[in-house]
Amino acid sequence: MGRGDLTNAEWDRLESFLPRGGTRGGRWSDHRRVINGVLYRVRTGVQWRDLPERFGPWETVYKRHRRWSADGTWKMLLSRIQAAEDAAGGIDWDVSVDSTAVRAHQHAAGARKAPPAAIPQKGADRGTNQIDPAAETGRPAGGGGQIGECLGRSRGGFTTKIHLVAEGRCRPLAFVLTPGHYGDGPQLEHVLEQVSVPRVGVGRPRTRPDRVLADKAYTSRRNRCYLRRRGIRHTIPERLDQRRHRQNRGSRGGRPTGFDSERYKKRNTVERAINRLKGFRAVATRYEKRAYIYLGTVTLAALTIWLRT
């Protein structure tokens, strides 16, 4: 077992959830060796071709990661581990919300805009059914173009933004990707809708935290109404301009928003969760052209944090 590989205890927790068999009745290469290869790349950020030989052919490792990012296998594994933690009472449901910008490497640009099936082979006549056999297959719907692949221009340059919900023990519960120039406040509803921890046994997944803590970027009236509608208590400071506007309107401005400064100190959990995620070099810098593959990379990093915390 090399540095950063799955321990025996971690492998025992994952093994029963992994897919059985391969495509078309074939057999998978050893799951543990391939997952360790993906973990090595996520931790170090090396190019896929530079993976050590002990992980087997690099094409096998890359294709497994791409396939499991597309079909939701990484997300399923993360949900199963979260469900086991919740059943044992190990999740603190006072959650914090924030975002972080990730610098995109120059290799992350240049993804094809059209779906692969619409691109004919070189030399083939337009309108034929000949498809480039090297074209990417099995990717989920959507994507294409700069915005579709969650790439945008911000003060940090060419970036992708990760919006995440962290539970009280500094572990990511859910996350979404957007282009780097997207604001934080409008994504609150979207990222909270991604929180879904299955029950062990009978019951619907848990989707509602006990309390949400967020900074002033999330202090819009729409966000507060959304949280009240779902019955979620929240601790969000009010911006100075909003306070002045409310006071200038007098009784029509409504009551002051409640704010607990002591409870708000707990919001540092999301900052610490971001630091843990960015300890993985392939998360701290985006190298993938496709957003769904990068989302799979972030999901695997979060899964590792849950296994080892």
Protein backbone atom coordinates (compact mmCIF):
# COMPACT_ATOMS: atom_id res chain seq x y z
CA MET A 1 0.00 0.00 0.00
CA GLY A 2 1.45 3.34 -1.07
CA ARG A 3 1.11 6.76 0.47
CA GLY A 4 -2.44 8.05 0.01
CA ASP A 5 -3.88 4.67 -1.02
CA LEU A 6 -7.03 3.24 0.52
CA THR A 7 -6.43 1.52 3.83
CA ASN A 8 -7.96 -1.87 4.54
CA ALA A 9 -10.63 -0.28 6.74
CA GLU A 10 -11.55 2.26 4.06
CA TRP A 11 -11.68 -0.44 1.39
CA ASP A 12 -13.97 -2.58 3.53
CA ARG A 13 -16.45 0.33 3.75
CA LEU A 14 -16.47 0.83 -0.03
CA GLU A 15 -16.18 -2.67 -1.45
CA SER A 16 -19.80 -3.75 -1.04
CA PHE A 17 -21.10 -0.66 -2.89
CA LEU A 18 -18.92 -0.98 -6.01
CA PRO A 19 -20.36 -2.15 -9.37
CA ARG A 20 -20.18 -5.83 -10.20
CA GLY A 21 -18.76 -6.86 -13.57
CA GLY A 22 -17.93 -4.70 -16.57
CA THR A 23 -19.58 -3.60 -19.78
CA ARG A 24 -20.92 -6.20 -22.23
CA GLY A 25 -20.48 -9.00 -19.74
CA GLY A 26 -16.76 -8.38 -19.30
CA ARG A 27 -14.80 -8.03 -16.09
CA TRP A 28 -13.49 -4.87 -14.47
CA SER A 29 -9.84 -4.44 -13.73
CA ASP A 30 -9.20 -4.67 -10.00
CA HIS A 31 -11.33 -1.94 -8.40
CA ARG A 32 -8.97 -1.24 -5.55
CA ARG A 33 -5.92 -0.72 -7.76
CA VAL A 34 -7.82 1.54 -10.16
CA ILE A 35 -9.37 3.64 -7.37
CA ASN A 36 -5.94 4.05 -5.82
CA GLY A 37 -4.70 5.26 -9.21
CA VAL A 38 -7.47 7.85 -9.43
CA LEU A 39 -6.77 8.93 -5.84
CA TYR A 40 -3.08 9.34 -6.67
CA ARG A 41 -3.92 11.60 -9.58
CA VAL A 42 -6.49 13.63 -7.60
CA ARG A 43 -4.03 14.08 -4.74
CA THR A 44 -0.97 15.01 -6.83
CA GLY A 45 -2.52 16.58 -9.95
CA VAL A 46 -0.14 14.77 -12.35
CA GLN A 47 -1.07 14.11 -15.95
CA TRP A 48 -2.86 10.83 -16.48
CA ARG A 49 -0.03 9.53 -18.65
CA ASP A 50 2.41 10.00 -15.75
CA LEU A 51 0.66 7.63 -13.35
CA PRO A 52 3.07 5.10 -11.79
CA GLU A 53 3.03 1.66 -13.37
CA ARG A 54 1.80 0.02 -10.16
CA PHE A 55 -1.70 1.30 -10.97
CA GLY A 56 -1.80 -0.47 -14.34
CA PRO A 57 -2.45 1.16 -17.73
CA TRP A 58 -3.24 4.86 -17.33
CA GLU A 59 -6.01 4.59 -19.95
CA THR A 60 -7.88 2.12 -17.71
CA VAL A 61 -7.65 4.43 -14.71
CA TYR A 62 -8.73 7.50 -16.68
CA LYS A 63 -11.64 5.76 -18.42
CA ARG A 64 -12.92 4.33 -15.13
CA HIS A 65 -12.84 7.80 -13.55
CA ARG A 66 -14.59 9.33 -16.57
CA ARG A 67 -17.26 6.60 -16.66
CA TRP A 68 -18.01 6.79 -12.96
CA SER A 69 -18.15 10.58 -13.11
CA ALA A 70 -20.72 10.33 -15.91
CA ASP A 71 -22.97 7.62 -14.47
CA GLY A 72 -22.96 8.94 -10.89
CA THR A 73 -20.98 6.13 -9.26
CA TRP A 74 -18.76 8.52 -7.30
CA LYS A 75 -21.85 10.40 -6.11
CA MET A 76 -23.53 7.14 -5.10
CA LEU A 77 -20.51 6.09 -3.03
CA LEU A 78 -20.47 9.46 -1.28
CA SER A 79 -24.19 9.16 -0.49
CA ARG A 80 -23.75 5.66 0.98
CA ILE A 81 -20.94 6.81 3.27
CA GLN A 82 -22.95 9.86 4.36
CA ALA A 83 -25.97 7.64 5.05
CA ALA A 84 -23.90 5.39 7.31
CA GLU A 85 -22.55 8.42 9.20
CA ASP A 86 -26.05 9.86 9.63
CA ALA A 87 -27.40 6.55 10.93
CA ALA A 88 -24.65 6.56 13.56
CA GLY A 89 -25.45 10.15 14.52
CA GLY A 90 -22.15 11.41 13.13
CA ILE A 91 -23.47 14.38 11.09
CA ASP A 92 -23.87 17.84 12.60
CA TRP A 93 -26.83 19.36 10.73
CA ASP A 94 -25.92 22.97 11.52
CA VAL A 95 -24.50 23.57 8.03
CA SER A 96 -22.55 26.42 6.47
CA VAL A 97 -22.67 27.61 2.86
CA ASP A 98 -19.93 29.34 0.87
CA SER A 99 -18.04 29.16 -2.42
CA THR A 100 -14.47 29.09 -3.65
CA ALA A 101 -12.95 29.99 -7.00
CA VAL A 102 -10.66 27.45 -8.66
CA ARG A 103 -8.12 28.53 -11.24
CA ALA A 104 -8.52 26.67 -14.51
CA HIS A 105 -5.34 25.47 -16.20
CA GLN A 106 -4.86 26.28 -19.86
CA HIS A 107 -5.46 22.59 -20.64
CA ALA A 108 -9.04 22.96 -19.33
CA ALA A 109 -10.00 25.06 -22.37
CA GLY A 110 -10.97 23.78 -25.80
CA ALA A 111 -13.77 21.28 -25.09
CA ARG A 112 -15.92 20.46 -28.11
CA LYS A 113 -19.14 22.45 -28.25
CA ALA A 114 -21.17 19.92 -30.23
CA PRO A 115 -22.03 16.43 -28.86
CA PRO A 116 -19.54 13.76 -30.08
CA ALA A 117 -22.24 11.89 -32.02
CA ALA A 118 -22.72 14.92 -34.27
CA ILE A 119 -19.08 15.02 -35.41
CA PRO A 120 -18.30 12.86 -38.49
CA GLN A 121 -14.96 11.25 -39.21
CA LYS A 122 -12.32 13.15 -41.12
CA GLY A 123 -12.88 12.69 -44.82
CA ALA A 124 -16.43 11.47 -44.37
CA ASP A 125 -19.28 13.18 -46.16
CA ARG A 126 -21.59 15.38 -44.12
CA GLY A 127 -24.85 13.64 -43.33
CA THR A 128 -23.38 10.13 -43.08
CA ASN A 129 -23.55 8.00 -39.98
CA GLN A 130 -19.78 7.56 -39.67
CA ILE A 131 -18.70 8.67 -36.22
CA ASP A 132 -15.19 9.27 -34.95
CA PRO A 133 -14.41 6.17 -32.84
CA ALA A 134 -12.18 8.31 -30.59
CA ALA A 135 -15.07 10.63 -29.76
CA GLU A 136 -16.12 10.79 -26.13
CA THR A 137 -19.08 8.56 -25.34
CA GLY A 138 -21.24 8.05 -22.32
CA ARG A 139 -21.14 11.60 -21.03
CA PRO A 140 -24.26 13.08 -19.46
CA ALA A 141 -26.50 15.55 -21.25
CA GLY A 142 -25.56 19.21 -21.20
CA GLY A 143 -22.21 20.90 -21.34
CA GLY A 144 -20.48 22.33 -24.34
CA GLY A 145 -19.11 25.81 -24.67
CA GLN A 146 -17.48 27.92 -22.01
CA ILE A 147 -20.57 28.42 -19.83
CA GLY A 148 -21.79 24.85 -20.31
CA GLU A 149 -18.46 23.53 -19.00
CA CYS A 150 -18.55 25.90 -15.98
CA LEU A 151 -15.69 28.12 -17.08
CA GLY A 152 -15.80 31.89 -16.76
CA ARG A 153 -13.71 35.02 -16.40
CA SER A 154 -13.38 36.58 -12.95
CA ARG A 155 -10.79 38.56 -11.05
CA GLY A 156 -8.83 35.35 -10.71
CA GLY A 157 -8.76 34.87 -14.47
CA PHE A 158 -10.17 31.74 -16.12
CA THR A 159 -11.97 30.06 -13.21
CA THR A 160 -14.61 27.62 -12.04
CA LYS A 161 -16.50 28.22 -8.81
CA ILE A 162 -17.43 25.47 -6.33
CA HIS A 163 -20.50 26.26 -4.21
CA LEU A 164 -20.72 23.88 -1.28
CA VAL A 165 -22.60 23.02 1.89
CA ALA A 166 -20.44 21.83 4.79
CA GLU A 167 -21.77 20.08 7.88
CA GLY A 168 -20.62 21.00 11.35
CA ARG A 169 -17.60 18.67 11.28
CA CYS A 170 -16.01 20.35 8.23
CA ARG A 171 -17.10 17.74 5.67
CA PRO A 172 -18.78 18.64 2.36
CA LEU A 173 -22.43 17.60 2.23
CA ALA A 174 -23.21 18.82 -1.29
CA PHE A 175 -21.75 21.05 -3.98
CA VAL A 176 -22.44 22.48 -7.43
CA LEU A 177 -20.20 23.99 -10.10
CA THR A 178 -20.72 27.30 -11.89
CA PRO A 179 -18.56 29.55 -14.06
CA GLY A 180 -16.19 31.68 -12.03
CA HIS A 181 -18.06 34.96 -12.56
CA TYR A 182 -21.37 33.73 -11.12
CA GLY A 183 -22.47 35.29 -7.83
CA ASP A 184 -22.84 33.39 -4.56
CA GLY A 185 -26.31 34.52 -3.42
CA PRO A 186 -28.33 33.22 -6.40
CA GLN A 187 -26.83 29.73 -5.93
CA LEU A 188 -28.07 29.20 -2.36
CA GLU A 189 -31.28 27.46 -3.37
CA HIS A 190 -29.50 25.35 -5.96
CA VAL A 191 -26.80 24.06 -3.63
CA LEU A 192 -29.22 23.37 -0.75
CA GLU A 193 -31.42 21.36 -3.13
CA GLN A 194 -28.42 19.03 -3.63
CA VAL A 195 -28.42 18.01 0.04
CA SER A 196 -29.89 14.51 0.14
CA VAL A 197 -28.62 11.96 2.65
CA PRO A 198 -30.36 8.57 2.30
CA ARG A 199 -31.76 6.72 5.30
CA VAL A 200 -30.36 3.34 6.24
CA GLY A 201 -33.47 1.21 5.96
CA VAL A 202 -36.92 2.73 5.43
CA GLY A 203 -37.53 6.43 4.99
CA ARG A 204 -37.03 9.33 2.66
CA PRO A 205 -33.59 10.93 2.32
CA ARG A 206 -32.92 13.81 4.68
CA THR A 207 -32.81 17.06 2.72
CA ARG A 208 -33.38 19.76 5.35
CA PRO A 209 -30.63 20.92 7.73
CA ASP A 210 -31.37 22.25 11.20
CA ARG A 211 -29.74 25.63 10.55
CA VAL A 212 -27.88 27.41 7.75
CA LEU A 213 -25.01 29.80 8.38
CA ALA A 214 -23.79 32.06 5.56
CA ASP A 215 -22.01 35.36 5.04
CA LYS A 216 -23.39 38.66 3.70
CA ALA A 217 -23.27 37.46 0.10
CA TYR A 218 -26.39 35.36 0.83
CA THR A 219 -28.44 38.01 2.65
CA SER A 220 -31.01 38.69 -0.07
CA ARG A 221 -34.72 38.78 0.76
CA ARG A 222 -35.33 35.97 -1.70
CA ASN A 223 -32.91 33.66 0.14
CA ARG A 224 -34.44 34.45 3.52
CA CYS A 225 -37.94 33.77 2.18
CA TYR A 226 -36.77 30.48 0.70
CA LEU A 227 -35.28 29.35 4.03
CA ARG A 228 -38.41 30.37 5.97
CA ARG A 229 -40.62 28.57 3.47
CA ARG A 230 -38.68 25.34 4.07
CA GLY A 231 -38.67 25.84 7.83
CA ILE A 232 -34.89 26.17 8.05
CA ARG A 233 -33.48 28.47 10.71
CA HIS A 234 -30.65 30.66 9.49
CA THR A 235 -27.91 32.96 10.71
CA ILE A 236 -26.99 35.45 7.99
CA PRO A 237 -25.72 38.98 8.72
CA GLU A 238 -27.52 41.90 7.11
CA ARG A 239 -25.58 44.19 4.80
CA LEU A 240 -25.27 47.83 5.86
CA ASP A 241 -27.03 49.18 2.76
CA GLN A 242 -29.97 46.81 3.30
CA ARG A 243 -30.25 47.91 6.92
CA ARG A 244 -30.30 51.56 5.96
CA HIS A 245 -32.88 50.95 3.25
CA ARG A 246 -35.12 49.09 5.71
CA GLN A 247 -34.80 51.83 8.33
CA ASN A 248 -35.53 54.57 5.80
CA ARG A 249 -38.84 52.88 4.93
CA GLY A 250 -39.96 52.99 8.54
CA SER A 251 -42.69 50.56 9.49
CA ARG A 252 -43.00 49.45 5.86
CA GLY A 253 -39.43 48.16 5.94
CA GLY A 254 -40.34 45.28 8.21
CA ARG A 255 -38.74 43.99 11.38
CA PRO A 256 -34.97 43.67 11.80
CA THR A 257 -33.50 40.33 10.86
CA GLY A 258 -32.36 38.24 13.81
CA PHE A 259 -28.64 37.59 14.07
CA ASP A 260 -26.71 35.54 16.64
CA SER A 261 -23.06 36.63 16.53
CA GLU A 262 -21.94 33.76 18.78
CA ARG A 263 -23.56 31.11 16.60
CA TYR A 264 -22.17 32.82 13.50
CA LYS A 265 -18.62 31.98 14.66
CA LYS A 266 -19.33 28.40 13.66
CA ARG A 267 -19.38 29.43 9.99
CA ASN A 268 -15.63 28.78 9.83
CA THR A 269 -16.49 25.10 9.29
CA VAL A 270 -17.15 25.73 5.60
CA GLU A 271 -13.82 27.55 5.23
CA ARG A 272 -12.04 24.58 6.78
CA ALA A 273 -13.94 22.19 4.50
CA ILE A 274 -12.76 24.23 1.50
CA ASN A 275 -9.17 24.02 2.76
CA ARG A 276 -9.49 20.25 2.99
CA LEU A 277 -10.84 20.01 -0.55
CA LYS A 278 -8.08 22.19 -1.92
CA GLY A 279 -5.50 19.97 -0.28
CA PHE A 280 -6.13 17.78 -3.35
CA ARG A 281 -4.12 19.40 -6.14
CA ALA A 282 -6.46 18.27 -8.91
CA VAL A 283 -9.25 20.12 -7.07
CA ALA A 284 -7.24 23.27 -6.29
CA THR A 285 -6.44 23.62 -10.02
CA ARG A 286 -8.87 22.46 -12.69
CA TYR A 287 -7.27 20.47 -15.50
CA GLU A 288 -10.38 18.76 -16.95
CA LYS A 289 -12.06 20.12 -20.04
CA ARG A 290 -15.43 18.61 -19.14
CA ALA A 291 -17.34 19.92 -16.14
CA TYR A 292 -18.80 16.51 -15.25
CA ILE A 293 -15.32 14.97 -15.00
CA TYR A 294 -14.13 17.78 -12.75
CA LEU A 295 -17.27 17.36 -10.64
CA GLY A 296 -16.34 13.67 -10.31
CA THR A 297 -12.87 14.72 -9.14
CA VAL A 298 -14.38 17.00 -6.47
CA THR A 299 -16.79 14.22 -5.43
CA LEU A 300 -13.96 11.71 -5.01
CA ALA A 301 -12.00 14.22 -2.92
CA ALA A 302 -15.07 14.74 -0.71
CA LEU A 303 -15.54 10.96 -0.44
CA THR A 304 -11.94 10.63 0.74
CA ILE A 305 -12.49 13.32 3.37
CA TRP A 306 -15.54 11.46 4.69
CA LEU A 307 -13.64 8.17 4.81
CA ARG A 308 -10.69 9.66 6.68
CA THR A 309 -12.38 12.07 9.08
